[in-house]
Amino acid sequence: MNVLAALILGLLIGWLIEWIIDWFYWRARMQAAMQSDPHVEQENTNLKARLANLEDELNRIKASTVIGHLLNKDGTHNFQAIKGIGPAFSKRLNEAGIHTFEELAQLTPQDMERILGTLYKRFFSKENTILSQAQEFAKHIAASRGKRQA
């Protein structure tokens, strides 16, 4: 037991000594070398700019994937992206003259019941879920169009 404890204690002391040497000698030396070399500063600046560009590209890709499922291939709004709306409800909304999420978001629950019939209350216990999702999707589409124009 004493041998095992001595071995573990020796390993811990060795690790601590290595850490102290690394911290005070090598890291201090590397920091001094970086500060004295102008190429390191330039490369650091270039890497930061490249990182910012990559983050912008990632944000554009994320925005396009969010918008991608909201629009059909022909550019019309995909009402089936709203939870609970299928092809039949989407067709009824289009027949009623509702073609965008903005138009759908402006409807009242009574308008929805008039367009979808009694199925509206039967399938959607919370009447405003469709309308709130439509408002959210309309905001996403408007934001993506604003980014494209900027």
N, C-alpha and C. Protein backbone atom coordinates (compact mmCIF):
# COMPACT_ATOMS: atom_id res chain seq x y z
N MET A 1 0.81 -1.19 0.00
CA MET A 1 0.00 0.00 0.00
C MET A 1 0.86 1.26 0.00
N ASN A 2 1.94 1.23 0.79
CA ASN A 2 2.83 2.39 0.85
C ASN A 2 3.55 2.62 -0.48
N VAL A 3 3.83 1.54 -1.17
CA VAL A 3 4.51 1.64 -2.46
C VAL A 3 3.58 2.30 -3.47
N LEU A 4 2.33 1.90 -3.48
CA LEU A 4 1.35 2.48 -4.40
C LEU A 4 1.13 3.96 -4.10
N ALA A 5 1.05 4.31 -2.83
CA ALA A 5 0.87 5.71 -2.44
C ALA A 5 2.09 6.53 -2.84
N ALA A 6 3.28 5.97 -2.67
CA ALA A 6 4.51 6.67 -3.05
C ALA A 6 4.57 6.86 -4.56
N LEU A 7 4.13 5.86 -5.31
CA LEU A 7 4.12 5.95 -6.77
C LEU A 7 3.16 7.05 -7.24
N ILE A 8 1.97 7.08 -6.71
CA ILE A 8 0.97 8.09 -7.08
C ILE A 8 1.44 9.47 -6.67
N LEU A 9 2.01 9.60 -5.48
CA LEU A 9 2.53 10.88 -5.02
C LEU A 9 3.68 11.35 -5.92
N GLY A 10 4.54 10.44 -6.32
CA GLY A 10 5.64 10.78 -7.23
C GLY A 10 5.12 11.25 -8.57
N LEU A 11 4.09 10.59 -9.10
CA LEU A 11 3.50 11.01 -10.38
C LEU A 11 2.88 12.41 -10.27
N LEU A 12 2.19 12.66 -9.19
CA LEU A 12 1.56 13.97 -9.00
C LEU A 12 2.61 15.08 -8.86
N ILE A 13 3.68 14.80 -8.11
CA ILE A 13 4.74 15.80 -7.96
C ILE A 13 5.44 16.04 -9.29
N GLY A 14 5.68 14.99 -10.04
CA GLY A 14 6.30 15.13 -11.36
C GLY A 14 5.43 15.94 -12.31
N TRP A 15 4.14 15.69 -12.28
CA TRP A 15 3.21 16.45 -13.13
C TRP A 15 3.19 17.92 -12.73
N LEU A 16 3.22 18.18 -11.42
CA LEU A 16 3.21 19.56 -10.95
C LEU A 16 4.49 20.29 -11.37
N ILE A 17 5.62 19.63 -11.27
CA ILE A 17 6.88 20.25 -11.69
C ILE A 17 6.87 20.53 -13.19
N GLU A 18 6.39 19.57 -13.97
CA GLU A 18 6.29 19.78 -15.42
C GLU A 18 5.38 20.96 -15.75
N TRP A 19 4.28 21.07 -15.06
CA TRP A 19 3.33 22.16 -15.30
C TRP A 19 3.97 23.52 -14.98
N ILE A 20 4.70 23.58 -13.85
CA ILE A 20 5.35 24.82 -13.45
C ILE A 20 6.41 25.23 -14.48
N ILE A 21 7.20 24.26 -14.93
CA ILE A 21 8.22 24.57 -15.95
C ILE A 21 7.56 25.04 -17.23
N ASP A 22 6.52 24.34 -17.63
CA ASP A 22 5.81 24.73 -18.85
C ASP A 22 5.23 26.13 -18.72
N TRP A 23 4.61 26.40 -17.61
CA TRP A 23 3.93 27.69 -17.41
C TRP A 23 4.91 28.86 -17.40
N PHE A 24 5.96 28.72 -16.60
CA PHE A 24 6.87 29.86 -16.42
C PHE A 24 7.94 29.95 -17.50
N TYR A 25 8.36 28.86 -18.06
CA TYR A 25 9.46 28.93 -19.01
C TYR A 25 8.97 28.96 -20.45
N TRP A 26 8.27 27.92 -20.88
CA TRP A 26 7.91 27.81 -22.29
C TRP A 26 6.84 28.81 -22.70
N ARG A 27 5.81 28.96 -21.91
CA ARG A 27 4.74 29.89 -22.30
C ARG A 27 5.21 31.33 -22.29
N ALA A 28 6.00 31.69 -21.31
CA ALA A 28 6.55 33.05 -21.27
C ALA A 28 7.44 33.29 -22.47
N ARG A 29 8.22 32.28 -22.83
CA ARG A 29 9.11 32.40 -23.99
C ARG A 29 8.30 32.54 -25.28
N MET A 30 7.23 31.77 -25.43
CA MET A 30 6.39 31.83 -26.63
C MET A 30 5.68 33.18 -26.73
N GLN A 31 5.20 33.69 -25.62
CA GLN A 31 4.53 34.99 -25.64
C GLN A 31 5.50 36.10 -26.02
N ALA A 32 6.72 36.04 -25.53
CA ALA A 32 7.72 37.04 -25.89
C ALA A 32 8.05 36.96 -27.38
N ALA A 33 8.12 35.75 -27.91
CA ALA A 33 8.42 35.58 -29.34
C ALA A 33 7.27 36.12 -30.19
N MET A 34 6.04 35.90 -29.75
CA MET A 34 4.89 36.39 -30.52
C MET A 34 4.83 37.91 -30.52
N GLN A 35 5.15 38.52 -29.40
CA GLN A 35 5.09 39.97 -29.32
C GLN A 35 6.18 40.63 -30.14
N SER A 36 7.32 39.99 -30.28
CA SER A 36 8.42 40.61 -31.02
C SER A 36 8.32 40.35 -32.51
N ASP A 37 7.52 39.40 -32.96
CA ASP A 37 7.43 39.05 -34.38
C ASP A 37 6.22 39.74 -35.00
N PRO A 38 6.43 40.69 -35.95
CA PRO A 38 5.28 41.38 -36.56
C PRO A 38 4.45 40.47 -37.46
N HIS A 39 5.05 39.40 -37.97
CA HIS A 39 4.30 38.48 -38.83
C HIS A 39 3.19 37.76 -38.05
N VAL A 40 3.47 37.49 -36.80
CA VAL A 40 2.47 36.81 -35.96
C VAL A 40 1.25 37.71 -35.76
N GLU A 41 1.50 38.99 -35.52
CA GLU A 41 0.39 39.93 -35.36
C GLU A 41 -0.44 40.04 -36.63
N GLN A 42 0.23 40.11 -37.78
CA GLN A 42 -0.47 40.20 -39.06
C GLN A 42 -1.27 38.94 -39.33
N GLU A 43 -0.67 37.79 -39.05
CA GLU A 43 -1.38 36.53 -39.25
C GLU A 43 -2.58 36.43 -38.30
N ASN A 44 -2.41 36.90 -37.08
CA ASN A 44 -3.51 36.90 -36.12
C ASN A 44 -4.65 37.78 -36.62
N THR A 45 -4.33 38.94 -37.14
CA THR A 45 -5.35 39.84 -37.68
C THR A 45 -6.05 39.20 -38.88
N ASN A 46 -5.28 38.56 -39.75
CA ASN A 46 -5.87 37.88 -40.92
C ASN A 46 -6.79 36.74 -40.50
N LEU A 47 -6.36 35.99 -39.49
CA LEU A 47 -7.19 34.88 -39.02
C LEU A 47 -8.49 35.38 -38.39
N LYS A 48 -8.42 36.49 -37.66
CA LYS A 48 -9.64 37.05 -37.07
C LYS A 48 -10.60 37.52 -38.15
N ALA A 49 -10.08 38.14 -39.21
CA ALA A 49 -10.93 38.58 -40.32
C ALA A 49 -11.54 37.38 -41.03
N ARG A 50 -10.75 36.34 -41.23
CA ARG A 50 -11.26 35.14 -41.90
C ARG A 50 -12.34 34.47 -41.05
N LEU A 51 -12.11 34.44 -39.73
CA LEU A 51 -13.11 33.87 -38.82
C LEU A 51 -14.42 34.65 -38.88
N ALA A 52 -14.34 35.98 -38.93
CA ALA A 52 -15.55 36.81 -39.03
C ALA A 52 -16.28 36.53 -40.33
N ASN A 53 -15.54 36.37 -41.45
CA ASN A 53 -16.16 36.06 -42.74
C ASN A 53 -16.85 34.70 -42.70
N LEU A 54 -16.19 33.72 -42.08
CA LEU A 54 -16.79 32.39 -41.98
C LEU A 54 -18.04 32.40 -41.12
N GLU A 55 -18.04 33.20 -40.04
CA GLU A 55 -19.23 33.30 -39.20
C GLU A 55 -20.38 33.95 -39.97
N ASP A 56 -20.08 34.96 -40.79
CA ASP A 56 -21.11 35.58 -41.62
C ASP A 56 -21.68 34.57 -42.61
N GLU A 57 -20.81 33.79 -43.23
CA GLU A 57 -21.25 32.78 -44.18
C GLU A 57 -22.12 31.73 -43.49
N LEU A 58 -21.72 31.32 -42.29
CA LEU A 58 -22.51 30.36 -41.52
C LEU A 58 -23.88 30.92 -41.18
N ASN A 59 -23.94 32.19 -40.81
CA ASN A 59 -25.24 32.82 -40.51
C ASN A 59 -26.11 32.87 -41.75
N ARG A 60 -25.52 33.15 -42.92
CA ARG A 60 -26.30 33.15 -44.17
C ARG A 60 -26.84 31.76 -44.47
N ILE A 61 -26.00 30.75 -44.26
CA ILE A 61 -26.43 29.37 -44.52
C ILE A 61 -27.56 28.98 -43.57
N LYS A 62 -27.41 29.35 -42.29
CA LYS A 62 -28.47 29.05 -41.32
C LYS A 62 -29.76 29.73 -41.70
N ALA A 63 -29.67 31.00 -42.11
CA ALA A 63 -30.88 31.74 -42.50
C ALA A 63 -31.53 31.09 -43.72
N SER A 64 -30.72 30.65 -44.69
CA SER A 64 -31.31 30.05 -45.88
C SER A 64 -31.94 28.71 -45.58
N THR A 65 -31.39 27.95 -44.62
CA THR A 65 -32.02 26.68 -44.28
C THR A 65 -33.31 26.90 -43.52
N VAL A 66 -33.37 27.95 -42.69
CA VAL A 66 -34.61 28.26 -41.98
C VAL A 66 -35.67 28.66 -43.00
N ILE A 67 -35.28 29.49 -43.96
CA ILE A 67 -36.23 29.96 -44.97
C ILE A 67 -36.53 28.88 -45.99
N GLY A 68 -35.59 27.97 -46.21
CA GLY A 68 -35.74 26.93 -47.23
C GLY A 68 -37.00 26.11 -47.08
N HIS A 69 -37.35 25.73 -45.87
CA HIS A 69 -38.55 24.91 -45.69
C HIS A 69 -39.82 25.75 -45.66
N LEU A 70 -39.68 27.07 -45.60
CA LEU A 70 -40.86 27.94 -45.58
C LEU A 70 -41.35 28.29 -46.98
N LEU A 71 -40.50 28.11 -47.98
CA LEU A 71 -40.86 28.44 -49.35
C LEU A 71 -40.85 27.19 -50.21
N ASN A 72 -41.79 27.11 -51.12
CA ASN A 72 -41.81 26.03 -52.09
C ASN A 72 -40.75 26.31 -53.16
N LYS A 73 -40.51 25.34 -54.02
CA LYS A 73 -39.50 25.51 -55.08
C LYS A 73 -39.84 26.66 -56.02
N ASP A 74 -41.15 26.93 -56.20
CA ASP A 74 -41.55 28.02 -57.10
C ASP A 74 -41.58 29.37 -56.38
N GLY A 75 -41.19 29.42 -55.10
CA GLY A 75 -41.12 30.68 -54.37
C GLY A 75 -42.37 31.03 -53.58
N THR A 76 -43.42 30.22 -53.70
CA THR A 76 -44.64 30.48 -52.93
C THR A 76 -44.43 30.00 -51.50
N HIS A 77 -45.24 30.52 -50.61
CA HIS A 77 -45.11 30.17 -49.20
C HIS A 77 -45.68 28.78 -48.95
N ASN A 78 -44.95 28.00 -48.17
CA ASN A 78 -45.32 26.62 -47.86
C ASN A 78 -46.08 26.59 -46.54
N PHE A 79 -47.40 26.61 -46.61
CA PHE A 79 -48.22 26.60 -45.40
C PHE A 79 -48.07 25.30 -44.62
N GLN A 80 -47.61 24.24 -45.28
CA GLN A 80 -47.46 22.96 -44.60
C GLN A 80 -46.29 22.97 -43.61
N ALA A 81 -45.49 24.03 -43.62
CA ALA A 81 -44.43 24.17 -42.62
C ALA A 81 -45.02 24.46 -41.25
N ILE A 82 -46.24 24.95 -41.21
CA ILE A 82 -46.93 25.22 -39.95
C ILE A 82 -47.43 23.89 -39.40
N LYS A 83 -47.14 23.67 -38.13
CA LYS A 83 -47.54 22.42 -37.51
C LYS A 83 -49.06 22.27 -37.53
N GLY A 84 -49.52 21.19 -38.13
CA GLY A 84 -50.95 20.90 -38.17
C GLY A 84 -51.60 21.20 -39.51
N ILE A 85 -50.93 21.95 -40.37
CA ILE A 85 -51.52 22.24 -41.68
C ILE A 85 -50.96 21.25 -42.68
N GLY A 86 -51.86 20.58 -43.35
CA GLY A 86 -51.48 19.61 -44.37
C GLY A 86 -51.89 20.12 -45.75
N PRO A 87 -51.84 19.25 -46.73
CA PRO A 87 -52.18 19.65 -48.09
C PRO A 87 -53.62 20.16 -48.24
N ALA A 88 -54.56 19.54 -47.51
CA ALA A 88 -55.97 19.95 -47.64
C ALA A 88 -56.18 21.36 -47.09
N PHE A 89 -55.65 21.63 -45.90
CA PHE A 89 -55.81 22.97 -45.33
C PHE A 89 -55.06 24.00 -46.15
N SER A 90 -53.89 23.63 -46.66
CA SER A 90 -53.12 24.55 -47.49
C SER A 90 -53.91 24.91 -48.76
N LYS A 91 -54.55 23.91 -49.34
CA LYS A 91 -55.34 24.15 -50.55
C LYS A 91 -56.53 25.06 -50.23
N ARG A 92 -57.19 24.83 -49.10
CA ARG A 92 -58.33 25.69 -48.73
C ARG A 92 -57.89 27.13 -48.49
N LEU A 93 -56.73 27.31 -47.88
CA LEU A 93 -56.23 28.68 -47.67
C LEU A 93 -55.93 29.37 -49.00
N ASN A 94 -55.31 28.64 -49.92
CA ASN A 94 -55.02 29.22 -51.24
C ASN A 94 -56.30 29.55 -52.00
N GLU A 95 -57.30 28.68 -51.89
CA GLU A 95 -58.58 28.94 -52.56
C GLU A 95 -59.28 30.16 -51.97
N ALA A 96 -59.02 30.44 -50.69
CA ALA A 96 -59.62 31.61 -50.03
C ALA A 96 -58.83 32.88 -50.32
N GLY A 97 -57.75 32.78 -51.11
CA GLY A 97 -56.97 33.97 -51.46
C GLY A 97 -55.84 34.27 -50.50
N ILE A 98 -55.52 33.33 -49.64
CA ILE A 98 -54.41 33.50 -48.69
C ILE A 98 -53.21 32.78 -49.29
N HIS A 99 -52.16 33.56 -49.65
CA HIS A 99 -51.01 32.96 -50.33
C HIS A 99 -49.69 33.20 -49.60
N THR A 100 -49.68 34.06 -48.60
CA THR A 100 -48.43 34.33 -47.87
C THR A 100 -48.66 34.19 -46.37
N PHE A 101 -47.55 34.02 -45.66
CA PHE A 101 -47.64 33.94 -44.20
C PHE A 101 -48.12 35.26 -43.61
N GLU A 102 -47.78 36.36 -44.26
CA GLU A 102 -48.23 37.67 -43.78
C GLU A 102 -49.76 37.76 -43.83
N GLU A 103 -50.33 37.30 -44.94
CA GLU A 103 -51.80 37.31 -45.07
C GLU A 103 -52.44 36.38 -44.05
N LEU A 104 -51.82 35.23 -43.85
CA LEU A 104 -52.36 34.27 -42.89
C LEU A 104 -52.27 34.82 -41.46
N ALA A 105 -51.19 35.52 -41.15
CA ALA A 105 -51.00 36.07 -39.80
C ALA A 105 -52.03 37.16 -39.48
N GLN A 106 -52.55 37.81 -40.49
CA GLN A 106 -53.51 38.89 -40.28
C GLN A 106 -54.93 38.38 -40.06
N LEU A 107 -55.16 37.09 -40.26
CA LEU A 107 -56.50 36.54 -40.07
C LEU A 107 -56.84 36.42 -38.59
N THR A 108 -58.11 36.45 -38.31
CA THR A 108 -58.59 36.22 -36.95
C THR A 108 -58.99 34.75 -36.83
N PRO A 109 -59.17 34.25 -35.62
CA PRO A 109 -59.63 32.87 -35.48
C PRO A 109 -60.99 32.64 -36.16
N GLN A 110 -61.83 33.67 -36.18
CA GLN A 110 -63.13 33.54 -36.85
C GLN A 110 -62.93 33.39 -38.37
N ASP A 111 -61.98 34.14 -38.92
CA ASP A 111 -61.68 34.00 -40.35
C ASP A 111 -61.17 32.60 -40.66
N MET A 112 -60.31 32.09 -39.77
CA MET A 112 -59.78 30.74 -39.97
C MET A 112 -60.89 29.69 -39.92
N GLU A 113 -61.82 29.89 -38.99
CA GLU A 113 -62.93 28.94 -38.90
C GLU A 113 -63.82 29.03 -40.13
N ARG A 114 -64.00 30.24 -40.66
CA ARG A 114 -64.81 30.41 -41.88
C ARG A 114 -64.14 29.73 -43.07
N ILE A 115 -62.81 29.84 -43.17
CA ILE A 115 -62.09 29.27 -44.30
C ILE A 115 -61.97 27.75 -44.17
N LEU A 116 -61.58 27.28 -42.98
CA LEU A 116 -61.32 25.86 -42.80
C LEU A 116 -62.53 25.07 -42.32
N GLY A 117 -63.55 25.77 -41.93
CA GLY A 117 -64.76 25.10 -41.46
C GLY A 117 -64.62 24.62 -40.02
N THR A 118 -65.47 23.69 -39.65
CA THR A 118 -65.47 23.21 -38.28
C THR A 118 -64.22 22.40 -37.95
N LEU A 119 -63.49 21.98 -38.97
CA LEU A 119 -62.26 21.24 -38.73
C LEU A 119 -61.22 22.08 -37.99
N TYR A 120 -61.33 23.39 -38.15
CA TYR A 120 -60.36 24.28 -37.51
C TYR A 120 -60.36 24.08 -36.00
N LYS A 121 -61.53 24.16 -35.37
CA LYS A 121 -61.61 24.00 -33.92
C LYS A 121 -61.34 22.56 -33.51
N ARG A 122 -61.68 21.64 -34.37
CA ARG A 122 -61.51 20.24 -34.04
C ARG A 122 -60.03 19.84 -34.01
N PHE A 123 -59.27 20.34 -34.97
CA PHE A 123 -57.86 19.97 -35.05
C PHE A 123 -56.94 20.87 -34.25
N PHE A 124 -57.36 22.09 -34.02
CA PHE A 124 -56.48 23.05 -33.37
C PHE A 124 -57.12 23.53 -32.08
N SER A 125 -56.73 22.89 -30.99
CA SER A 125 -57.33 23.25 -29.70
C SER A 125 -56.95 24.66 -29.29
N LYS A 126 -55.73 25.06 -29.58
CA LYS A 126 -55.32 26.44 -29.32
C LYS A 126 -55.49 27.20 -30.63
N GLU A 127 -56.45 28.06 -30.67
CA GLU A 127 -56.81 28.70 -31.93
C GLU A 127 -55.70 29.57 -32.51
N ASN A 128 -54.87 30.11 -31.66
CA ASN A 128 -53.87 31.05 -32.15
C ASN A 128 -52.55 30.40 -32.54
N THR A 129 -52.43 29.07 -32.43
CA THR A 129 -51.15 28.45 -32.75
C THR A 129 -50.79 28.63 -34.22
N ILE A 130 -51.75 28.44 -35.10
CA ILE A 130 -51.48 28.62 -36.53
C ILE A 130 -51.11 30.07 -36.81
N LEU A 131 -51.85 30.97 -36.25
CA LEU A 131 -51.62 32.39 -36.52
C LEU A 131 -50.28 32.85 -35.94
N SER A 132 -49.92 32.36 -34.75
CA SER A 132 -48.63 32.77 -34.18
C SER A 132 -47.47 32.18 -34.96
N GLN A 133 -47.61 30.95 -35.43
CA GLN A 133 -46.56 30.36 -36.28
C GLN A 133 -46.45 31.13 -37.59
N ALA A 134 -47.58 31.53 -38.15
CA ALA A 134 -47.56 32.29 -39.41
C ALA A 134 -46.85 33.64 -39.19
N GLN A 135 -47.12 34.28 -38.05
CA GLN A 135 -46.43 35.55 -37.76
C GLN A 135 -44.93 35.34 -37.64
N GLU A 136 -44.53 34.28 -36.97
CA GLU A 136 -43.10 33.99 -36.80
C GLU A 136 -42.44 33.72 -38.16
N PHE A 137 -43.09 32.92 -39.00
CA PHE A 137 -42.52 32.61 -40.31
C PHE A 137 -42.47 33.85 -41.19
N ALA A 138 -43.48 34.70 -41.09
CA ALA A 138 -43.48 35.95 -41.86
C ALA A 138 -42.30 36.82 -41.46
N LYS A 139 -41.99 36.86 -40.15
CA LYS A 139 -40.83 37.64 -39.68
C LYS A 139 -39.53 37.06 -40.23
N HIS A 140 -39.42 35.73 -40.25
CA HIS A 140 -38.21 35.10 -40.77
C HIS A 140 -38.01 35.44 -42.25
N ILE A 141 -39.08 35.37 -43.00
CA ILE A 141 -38.98 35.65 -44.44
C ILE A 141 -38.64 37.12 -44.67
N ALA A 142 -39.28 38.01 -43.92
CA ALA A 142 -38.99 39.44 -44.05
C ALA A 142 -37.54 39.73 -43.67
N ALA A 143 -37.05 39.08 -42.61
CA ALA A 143 -35.65 39.30 -42.19
C ALA A 143 -34.68 38.79 -43.25
N SER A 144 -34.98 37.65 -43.86
CA SER A 144 -34.07 37.11 -44.87
C SER A 144 -34.08 37.99 -46.12
N ARG A 145 -35.21 38.56 -46.46
CA ARG A 145 -35.25 39.45 -47.62
C ARG A 145 -34.48 40.74 -47.34
N GLY A 146 -34.56 41.21 -46.10
CA GLY A 146 -33.82 42.40 -45.71
C GLY A 146 -32.32 42.16 -45.77
N LYS A 147 -31.86 40.97 -45.38
CA LYS A 147 -30.43 40.64 -45.44
C LYS A 147 -29.96 40.54 -46.87
N ARG A 148 -30.79 39.97 -47.76
CA ARG A 148 -30.38 39.82 -49.16
C ARG A 148 -30.24 41.18 -49.84
N GLN A 149 -31.14 42.12 -49.47
CA GLN A 149 -31.09 43.43 -50.11
C GLN A 149 -29.96 44.29 -49.58
N ALA A 150 -29.53 44.00 -48.34
CA ALA A 150 -28.47 44.82 -47.72
C ALA A 150 -27.12 44.55 -48.32
